Amino acid sequence: MNDINQLEKEKLLQLLECNIEELDLLIRKSSEIPKESDNKYDILLKVLQQGFNIREAVLAGITIGEILGYEKAKLKMEEEIKEKLYIAFKNSQ
């Protein structure tokens, strides 16, 4: 969500009927949720406990999905690199 342009941000502000500070707070709170737990049930429970309305909950879901997807891709890339290094080391002996 950090890479949205100004036009998209203005549209979000109108859609959510909030100001920029409230939007930033919503994004920050949403970004913190997956850092507290990696269990999907716990994440969903935290979103529901925040008391978001449906529009805010959707935005929170998008933000959380973006973070979880990034973390999953990062771990997968790390594993692939480790595997390639292991194979290269094994073949050099």
C-alpha atoms as a PDB file:
ATOM      1  CA  MET A   1       0.000   0.000   0.000  1.00  0.00           C
ATOM      2  CA  ASN A   2       3.012   2.264   0.241  1.00  0.00           C
ATOM      3  CA  ASP A   3       3.284   2.563  -3.512  1.00  0.00           C
ATOM      4  CA  ILE A   4      -0.181   3.954  -4.286  1.00  0.00           C
ATOM      5  CA  ASN A   5      -0.219   7.224  -6.171  1.00  0.00           C
ATOM      6  CA  GLN A   6      -1.974  10.406  -5.075  1.00  0.00           C
ATOM      7  CA  LEU A   7      -5.011   9.848  -7.326  1.00  0.00           C
ATOM      8  CA  GLU A   8      -5.581   6.373  -5.896  1.00  0.00           C
ATOM      9  CA  LYS A   9      -5.176   7.739  -2.376  1.00  0.00           C
ATOM     10  CA  GLU A  10      -7.772  10.452  -3.061  1.00  0.00           C
ATOM     11  CA  LYS A  11     -10.194   7.832  -4.379  1.00  0.00           C
ATOM     12  CA  LEU A  12      -9.636   5.726  -1.249  1.00  0.00           C
ATOM     13  CA  LEU A  13     -10.279   8.740   0.954  1.00  0.00           C
ATOM     14  CA  GLN A  14     -13.594   9.380  -0.801  1.00  0.00           C
ATOM     15  CA  LEU A  15     -14.579   5.717  -0.767  1.00  0.00           C
ATOM     16  CA  LEU A  16     -13.800   5.260   2.920  1.00  0.00           C
ATOM     17  CA  GLU A  17     -15.118   8.715   3.800  1.00  0.00           C
ATOM     18  CA  CYS A  18     -12.083   9.504   5.918  1.00  0.00           C
ATOM     19  CA  ASN A  19      -9.177  11.922   5.988  1.00  0.00           C
ATOM     20  CA  ILE A  20      -5.516  11.220   5.229  1.00  0.00           C
ATOM     21  CA  GLU A  21      -4.579  10.691   8.882  1.00  0.00           C
ATOM     22  CA  GLU A  22      -7.317   8.109   9.353  1.00  0.00           C
ATOM     23  CA  LEU A  23      -6.266   6.312   6.161  1.00  0.00           C
ATOM     24  CA  ASP A  24      -2.625   6.244   7.255  1.00  0.00           C
ATOM     25  CA  LEU A  25      -3.683   4.908  10.670  1.00  0.00           C
ATOM     26  CA  LEU A  26      -5.813   2.202   9.027  1.00  0.00           C
ATOM     27  CA  ILE A  27      -2.931   1.138   6.776  1.00  0.00           C
ATOM     28  CA  ARG A  28      -0.474   1.157   9.691  1.00  0.00           C
ATOM     29  CA  LYS A  29      -2.804  -0.907  11.897  1.00  0.00           C
ATOM     30  CA  SER A  30      -3.411  -3.336   9.036  1.00  0.00           C
ATOM     31  CA  SER A  31       0.314  -3.669   8.435  1.00  0.00           C
ATOM     32  CA  GLU A  32       0.963  -4.524  12.073  1.00  0.00           C
ATOM     33  CA  ILE A  33      -1.594  -7.356  12.244  1.00  0.00           C
ATOM     34  CA  PRO A  34       0.363  -9.998  10.275  1.00  0.00           C
ATOM     35  CA  LYS A  35       3.548  -9.183  12.220  1.00  0.00           C
ATOM     36  CA  GLU A  36       1.863 -10.271  15.452  1.00  0.00           C
ATOM     37  CA  SER A  37       0.877 -13.705  14.148  1.00  0.00           C
ATOM     38  CA  ASP A  38       1.303 -15.821  11.040  1.00  0.00           C
ATOM     39  CA  ASN A  39      -1.750 -17.953  11.758  1.00  0.00           C
ATOM     40  CA  LYS A  40      -4.504 -16.995   9.287  1.00  0.00           C
ATOM     41  CA  TYR A  41      -7.245 -17.571  11.862  1.00  0.00           C
ATOM     42  CA  ASP A  42      -5.538 -15.205  14.321  1.00  0.00           C
ATOM     43  CA  ILE A  43      -5.079 -12.607  11.588  1.00  0.00           C
ATOM     44  CA  LEU A  44      -8.762 -12.793  10.645  1.00  0.00           C
ATOM     45  CA  LEU A  45      -9.748 -12.568  14.302  1.00  0.00           C
ATOM     46  CA  LYS A  46      -7.564  -9.466  14.763  1.00  0.00           C
ATOM     47  CA  VAL A  47      -9.166  -7.784  11.731  1.00  0.00           C
ATOM     48  CA  LEU A  48     -12.630  -8.501  13.125  1.00  0.00           C
ATOM     49  CA  GLN A  49     -11.613  -7.219  16.571  1.00  0.00           C
ATOM     50  CA  GLN A  50     -10.485  -3.898  15.096  1.00  0.00           C
ATOM     51  CA  GLY A  51     -14.125  -2.981  14.488  1.00  0.00           C
ATOM     52  CA  PHE A  52     -13.526  -1.999  10.865  1.00  0.00           C
ATOM     53  CA  ASN A  53     -16.525  -1.402   8.654  1.00  0.00           C
ATOM     54  CA  ILE A  54     -16.734  -3.539   5.522  1.00  0.00           C
ATOM     55  CA  ARG A  55     -14.766  -1.111   3.338  1.00  0.00           C
ATOM     56  CA  GLU A  56     -12.018  -0.762   5.920  1.00  0.00           C
ATOM     57  CA  ALA A  57     -11.914  -4.532   6.398  1.00  0.00           C
ATOM     58  CA  VAL A  58     -11.457  -5.044   2.654  1.00  0.00           C
ATOM     59  CA  LEU A  59      -8.609  -2.527   2.589  1.00  0.00           C
ATOM     60  CA  ALA A  60      -7.076  -4.232   5.634  1.00  0.00           C
ATOM     61  CA  GLY A  61      -7.381  -7.582   3.855  1.00  0.00           C
ATOM     62  CA  ILE A  62      -5.611  -6.230   0.775  1.00  0.00           C
ATOM     63  CA  THR A  63      -2.827  -4.752   2.894  1.00  0.00           C
ATOM     64  CA  ILE A  64      -2.401  -7.960   4.899  1.00  0.00           C
ATOM     65  CA  GLY A  65      -2.461 -10.078   1.739  1.00  0.00           C
ATOM     66  CA  GLU A  66       0.229  -7.908   0.204  1.00  0.00           C
ATOM     67  CA  ILE A  67       2.447  -8.312   3.277  1.00  0.00           C
ATOM     68  CA  LEU A  68       1.875 -12.070   3.573  1.00  0.00           C
ATOM     69  CA  GLY A  69       2.486 -12.557  -0.147  1.00  0.00           C
ATOM     70  CA  TYR A  70       5.729 -10.601   0.061  1.00  0.00           C
ATOM     71  CA  GLU A  71       6.929 -12.609   3.055  1.00  0.00           C
ATOM     72  CA  LYS A  72       6.034 -15.915   1.396  1.00  0.00           C
ATOM     73  CA  ALA A  73       7.847 -14.937  -1.812  1.00  0.00           C
ATOM     74  CA  LYS A  74      10.868 -13.804   0.197  1.00  0.00           C
ATOM     75  CA  LEU A  75      11.081 -17.131   2.026  1.00  0.00           C
ATOM     76  CA  LYS A  76      10.664 -19.070  -1.216  1.00  0.00           C
ATOM     77  CA  MET A  77      13.460 -17.095  -2.888  1.00  0.00           C
ATOM     78  CA  GLU A  78      15.734 -17.638   0.111  1.00  0.00           C
ATOM     79  CA  GLU A  79      15.114 -21.397  -0.038  1.00  0.00           C
ATOM     80  CA  GLU A  80      15.796 -21.464  -3.790  1.00  0.00           C
ATOM     81  CA  ILE A  81      19.063 -19.585  -3.312  1.00  0.00           C
ATOM     82  CA  LYS A  82      20.126 -21.938  -0.505  1.00  0.00           C
ATOM     83  CA  GLU A  83      19.324 -24.943  -2.681  1.00  0.00           C
ATOM     84  CA  LYS A  84      21.297 -23.560  -5.638  1.00  0.00           C
ATOM     85  CA  LEU A  85      24.264 -22.766  -3.417  1.00  0.00           C
ATOM     86  CA  TYR A  86      24.140 -26.265  -1.931  1.00  0.00           C
ATOM     87  CA  ILE A  87      24.036 -27.853  -5.384  1.00  0.00           C
ATOM     88  CA  ALA A  88      26.877 -25.645  -6.621  1.00  0.00           C
ATOM     89  CA  PHE A  89      28.989 -26.485  -3.559  1.00  0.00           C
ATOM     90  CA  LYS A  90      28.198 -30.199  -3.886  1.00  0.00           C
ATOM     91  CA  ASN A  91      29.132 -30.192  -7.596  1.00  0.00           C
ATOM     92  CA  SER A  92      32.407 -28.372  -6.966  1.00  0.00           C
ATOM     93  CA  GLN A  93      33.722 -31.119  -4.707  1.00  0.00           C
END
